[in-house]
Structures are given as C-alpha cells and as structure tokens.
N, C-alpha and C. Protein backbone atom coordinates (compact mmCIF):
# COMPACT_ATOMS: atom_id res chain seq x y z
N MET A 1 -9.58 108.17 -28.05
CA MET A 1 -8.21 107.76 -27.84
C MET A 1 -7.56 107.41 -29.18
N ASN A 2 -6.37 107.92 -29.43
CA ASN A 2 -5.64 107.68 -30.68
C ASN A 2 -4.86 106.38 -30.57
N THR A 3 -5.20 105.41 -31.41
CA THR A 3 -4.51 104.12 -31.36
C THR A 3 -3.56 103.94 -32.54
N SER A 4 -3.24 105.02 -33.22
CA SER A 4 -2.35 104.95 -34.37
C SER A 4 -0.97 104.46 -33.96
N LYS A 5 -0.33 103.71 -34.87
CA LYS A 5 1.02 103.20 -34.59
C LYS A 5 2.09 104.11 -35.18
N THR A 6 1.72 105.32 -35.55
CA THR A 6 2.71 106.25 -36.09
C THR A 6 2.81 107.48 -35.20
N VAL A 7 3.90 108.17 -35.35
CA VAL A 7 4.11 109.41 -34.61
C VAL A 7 4.69 110.43 -35.58
N THR A 8 4.30 111.67 -35.41
CA THR A 8 4.85 112.75 -36.22
C THR A 8 5.93 113.43 -35.40
N CYS A 9 7.12 113.52 -35.97
CA CYS A 9 8.24 114.16 -35.28
C CYS A 9 8.48 115.53 -35.90
N SER A 10 8.68 116.50 -35.06
CA SER A 10 8.96 117.84 -35.54
C SER A 10 10.02 118.44 -34.62
N PHE A 11 11.10 118.96 -35.23
CA PHE A 11 12.13 119.60 -34.44
C PHE A 11 12.82 120.66 -35.27
N THR A 12 13.47 121.56 -34.59
CA THR A 12 14.19 122.65 -35.25
C THR A 12 15.66 122.28 -35.32
N LEU A 13 16.25 122.54 -36.49
CA LEU A 13 17.65 122.17 -36.72
C LEU A 13 18.34 123.29 -37.46
N ASP A 14 19.58 123.53 -37.14
CA ASP A 14 20.37 124.54 -37.86
C ASP A 14 20.38 124.22 -39.35
N ARG A 15 20.09 125.21 -40.18
CA ARG A 15 19.97 125.00 -41.62
C ARG A 15 21.27 124.48 -42.24
N ASP A 16 22.43 124.97 -41.79
CA ASP A 16 23.71 124.50 -42.34
C ASP A 16 23.94 123.02 -42.03
N ILE A 17 23.58 122.61 -40.82
CA ILE A 17 23.71 121.19 -40.45
C ILE A 17 22.79 120.35 -41.32
N TYR A 18 21.54 120.79 -41.46
CA TYR A 18 20.57 120.05 -42.28
C TYR A 18 21.05 119.93 -43.72
N ASN A 19 21.49 121.05 -44.29
CA ASN A 19 21.93 121.03 -45.69
C ASN A 19 23.15 120.14 -45.89
N ALA A 20 24.09 120.15 -44.94
CA ALA A 20 25.27 119.29 -45.05
C ALA A 20 24.86 117.82 -44.96
N TYR A 21 23.97 117.51 -44.02
CA TYR A 21 23.47 116.14 -43.84
C TYR A 21 22.72 115.68 -45.09
N LYS A 22 21.82 116.54 -45.57
CA LYS A 22 21.03 116.19 -46.75
C LYS A 22 21.93 115.96 -47.96
N GLY A 23 22.97 116.78 -48.10
CA GLY A 23 23.90 116.61 -49.21
C GLY A 23 24.56 115.25 -49.20
N ILE A 24 24.95 114.79 -48.03
CA ILE A 24 25.58 113.46 -47.90
C ILE A 24 24.57 112.36 -48.19
N VAL A 25 23.38 112.49 -47.61
CA VAL A 25 22.33 111.48 -47.76
C VAL A 25 21.92 111.34 -49.24
N VAL A 26 21.76 112.45 -49.93
CA VAL A 26 21.33 112.43 -51.33
C VAL A 26 22.40 111.75 -52.20
N LYS A 27 23.67 111.96 -51.88
CA LYS A 27 24.76 111.30 -52.63
C LYS A 27 24.65 109.78 -52.54
N ASN A 28 24.04 109.30 -51.46
CA ASN A 28 23.86 107.86 -51.25
C ASN A 28 22.47 107.39 -51.69
N ASN A 29 21.83 108.19 -52.55
CA ASN A 29 20.52 107.85 -53.12
C ASN A 29 19.43 107.61 -52.07
N GLN A 30 19.43 108.41 -51.03
CA GLN A 30 18.38 108.34 -50.02
C GLN A 30 17.81 109.73 -49.82
N ASN A 31 16.73 109.80 -49.07
CA ASN A 31 16.24 111.10 -48.64
C ASN A 31 16.42 111.18 -47.13
N VAL A 32 16.27 112.36 -46.57
CA VAL A 32 16.55 112.56 -45.14
C VAL A 32 15.65 111.69 -44.27
N LYS A 33 14.37 111.65 -44.57
CA LYS A 33 13.44 110.85 -43.75
C LYS A 33 13.83 109.37 -43.78
N GLU A 34 14.06 108.85 -44.97
CA GLU A 34 14.44 107.44 -45.12
C GLU A 34 15.74 107.14 -44.35
N ASN A 35 16.71 108.04 -44.46
CA ASN A 35 17.99 107.83 -43.80
C ASN A 35 17.84 107.86 -42.28
N LEU A 36 17.06 108.79 -41.77
CA LEU A 36 16.85 108.86 -40.32
C LEU A 36 16.13 107.62 -39.80
N ILE A 37 15.14 107.15 -40.55
CA ILE A 37 14.42 105.93 -40.13
C ILE A 37 15.38 104.74 -40.12
N ASN A 38 16.20 104.60 -41.18
CA ASN A 38 17.17 103.49 -41.21
C ASN A 38 18.16 103.59 -40.08
N TYR A 39 18.60 104.80 -39.76
CA TYR A 39 19.53 104.98 -38.65
C TYR A 39 18.88 104.57 -37.33
N MET A 40 17.63 104.98 -37.13
CA MET A 40 16.92 104.61 -35.91
C MET A 40 16.79 103.09 -35.80
N LEU A 41 16.48 102.43 -36.92
CA LEU A 41 16.35 100.96 -36.90
C LEU A 41 17.68 100.31 -36.57
N ASP A 42 18.80 100.86 -37.08
CA ASP A 42 20.12 100.33 -36.74
C ASP A 42 20.42 100.51 -35.26
N VAL A 43 20.06 101.66 -34.70
CA VAL A 43 20.27 101.90 -33.28
C VAL A 43 19.51 100.86 -32.46
N ILE A 44 18.27 100.59 -32.86
CA ILE A 44 17.46 99.59 -32.14
C ILE A 44 18.07 98.20 -32.31
N LYS A 45 18.44 97.85 -33.53
CA LYS A 45 18.95 96.51 -33.82
C LYS A 45 20.26 96.23 -33.10
N TYR A 46 21.18 97.19 -33.13
CA TYR A 46 22.51 96.97 -32.57
C TYR A 46 22.67 97.56 -31.17
N GLU A 47 21.63 98.24 -30.69
CA GLU A 47 21.64 98.87 -29.37
C GLU A 47 22.86 99.77 -29.17
N THR A 48 23.23 100.44 -30.23
CA THR A 48 24.33 101.40 -30.14
C THR A 48 24.13 102.49 -31.19
N PRO A 49 24.32 103.74 -30.82
CA PRO A 49 24.17 104.81 -31.80
C PRO A 49 25.45 105.11 -32.59
N ASN A 50 26.51 104.34 -32.37
CA ASN A 50 27.78 104.62 -33.02
C ASN A 50 27.81 104.05 -34.43
N ALA A 51 27.82 104.93 -35.43
CA ALA A 51 27.75 104.51 -36.84
C ALA A 51 28.96 103.65 -37.22
N GLU A 52 30.13 103.97 -36.71
CA GLU A 52 31.33 103.19 -37.04
C GLU A 52 31.20 101.75 -36.52
N THR A 53 30.66 101.60 -35.32
CA THR A 53 30.46 100.26 -34.76
C THR A 53 29.43 99.49 -35.58
N ILE A 54 28.37 100.15 -35.98
CA ILE A 54 27.34 99.51 -36.79
C ILE A 54 27.94 99.01 -38.10
N GLU A 55 28.75 99.84 -38.75
CA GLU A 55 29.38 99.43 -40.01
C GLU A 55 30.33 98.26 -39.80
N ALA A 56 31.05 98.25 -38.69
CA ALA A 56 31.96 97.13 -38.39
C ALA A 56 31.18 95.84 -38.20
N ILE A 57 30.06 95.90 -37.52
CA ILE A 57 29.22 94.72 -37.31
C ILE A 57 28.69 94.22 -38.65
N LYS A 58 28.23 95.14 -39.49
CA LYS A 58 27.73 94.75 -40.81
C LYS A 58 28.84 94.10 -41.64
N GLU A 59 30.05 94.64 -41.55
CA GLU A 59 31.17 94.06 -42.30
C GLU A 59 31.46 92.64 -41.84
N VAL A 60 31.44 92.41 -40.54
CA VAL A 60 31.67 91.06 -40.02
C VAL A 60 30.57 90.11 -40.51
N GLN A 61 29.33 90.58 -40.51
CA GLN A 61 28.23 89.74 -40.98
C GLN A 61 28.41 89.39 -42.46
N ARG A 62 28.85 90.37 -43.28
CA ARG A 62 29.10 90.10 -44.70
C ARG A 62 30.24 89.09 -44.86
N LEU A 63 31.31 89.28 -44.10
CA LEU A 63 32.45 88.37 -44.20
C LEU A 63 32.09 86.95 -43.80
N LYS A 64 31.26 86.80 -42.79
CA LYS A 64 30.84 85.47 -42.35
C LYS A 64 30.11 84.72 -43.46
N LYS A 65 29.40 85.46 -44.31
CA LYS A 65 28.64 84.85 -45.39
C LYS A 65 29.48 84.61 -46.64
N ASP A 66 30.68 85.18 -46.72
CA ASP A 66 31.53 85.09 -47.91
C ASP A 66 32.29 83.77 -47.92
N PRO A 67 31.97 82.86 -48.85
CA PRO A 67 32.66 81.57 -48.89
C PRO A 67 34.12 81.67 -49.36
N ASN A 68 34.48 82.81 -49.96
CA ASN A 68 35.84 82.99 -50.47
C ASN A 68 36.74 83.78 -49.52
N LYS A 69 36.26 84.04 -48.30
CA LYS A 69 37.05 84.83 -47.37
C LYS A 69 38.30 84.05 -46.94
N LYS A 70 39.35 84.77 -46.65
CA LYS A 70 40.58 84.15 -46.19
C LYS A 70 40.47 83.90 -44.70
N THR A 71 40.88 82.74 -44.26
CA THR A 71 40.84 82.43 -42.84
C THR A 71 42.23 82.08 -42.34
N TYR A 72 42.40 82.18 -41.05
CA TYR A 72 43.68 81.90 -40.39
C TYR A 72 43.45 80.92 -39.25
N ASN A 73 44.46 80.11 -38.99
CA ASN A 73 44.36 79.16 -37.88
C ASN A 73 44.91 79.73 -36.59
N SER A 74 45.68 80.83 -36.70
CA SER A 74 46.25 81.42 -35.49
C SER A 74 46.60 82.88 -35.76
N PHE A 75 46.79 83.60 -34.68
CA PHE A 75 47.20 84.99 -34.78
C PHE A 75 48.60 85.08 -35.39
N SER A 76 49.45 84.08 -35.13
CA SER A 76 50.81 84.07 -35.69
C SER A 76 50.77 84.04 -37.22
N GLU A 77 49.80 83.33 -37.78
CA GLU A 77 49.66 83.30 -39.25
C GLU A 77 49.35 84.70 -39.79
N ILE A 78 48.53 85.41 -39.09
CA ILE A 78 48.18 86.77 -39.52
C ILE A 78 49.43 87.64 -39.48
N LEU A 79 50.15 87.57 -38.38
CA LEU A 79 51.37 88.37 -38.24
C LEU A 79 52.40 88.01 -39.30
N ALA A 80 52.54 86.72 -39.58
CA ALA A 80 53.51 86.28 -40.60
C ALA A 80 53.14 86.85 -41.96
N GLU A 81 51.86 86.87 -42.27
CA GLU A 81 51.42 87.43 -43.55
C GLU A 81 51.71 88.93 -43.63
N ILE A 82 51.48 89.62 -42.55
CA ILE A 82 51.74 91.05 -42.53
C ILE A 82 53.23 91.31 -42.70
N GLU A 83 54.07 90.54 -42.06
CA GLU A 83 55.52 90.70 -42.16
C GLU A 83 56.02 90.41 -43.57
N ASP A 84 55.35 89.51 -44.29
CA ASP A 84 55.75 89.15 -45.65
C ASP A 84 55.43 90.24 -46.67
N GLU A 85 54.53 91.14 -46.32
CA GLU A 85 54.09 92.18 -47.27
C GLU A 85 55.12 93.25 -47.45
C-alpha cells in the first residue's frame, strides 16, 4: 500500500494556452508548477477559485495591517471626499 503524501498530476493542455500562461508566470518570477501550487493553496484557503476575489481579500488584509491607512467615520465622509476631488 502506498502511503506517500504526494500525488503526480498529468494532463494534456493546448500548447498555446500553456505558452501564454507560462509567459505570464515567468514575468512574475515563478515557474508553472510553483504558480499552480500557490493557486491551489489560495483556492483552499479562501474557498473560492476566483483570482480577482482572492486579490481583493489580500488587499483588505494588507490594508488592515497598514498603520498609515486613511479611515472614515461614515459613508458620507467618503462621498464628500470624492466630491471634493
């Protein structure tokens, strides 16, 4: 019985899709395997496969940690600031 905690994944993918994906991933200093693993971990962590939602959650987490972030006491303050611009 195999008790290994790893699995080998193998699938067929259109070469143009792979090359386009790899091109984007390499620009971000990653490799395809590393990027896919990180994406899978984000899906598990946030229980959503939507990359835009994941980035929004990460942005909120960063903002919560930022001691210099601007805060508002009401929605009216936000609207007033937008109107002043």
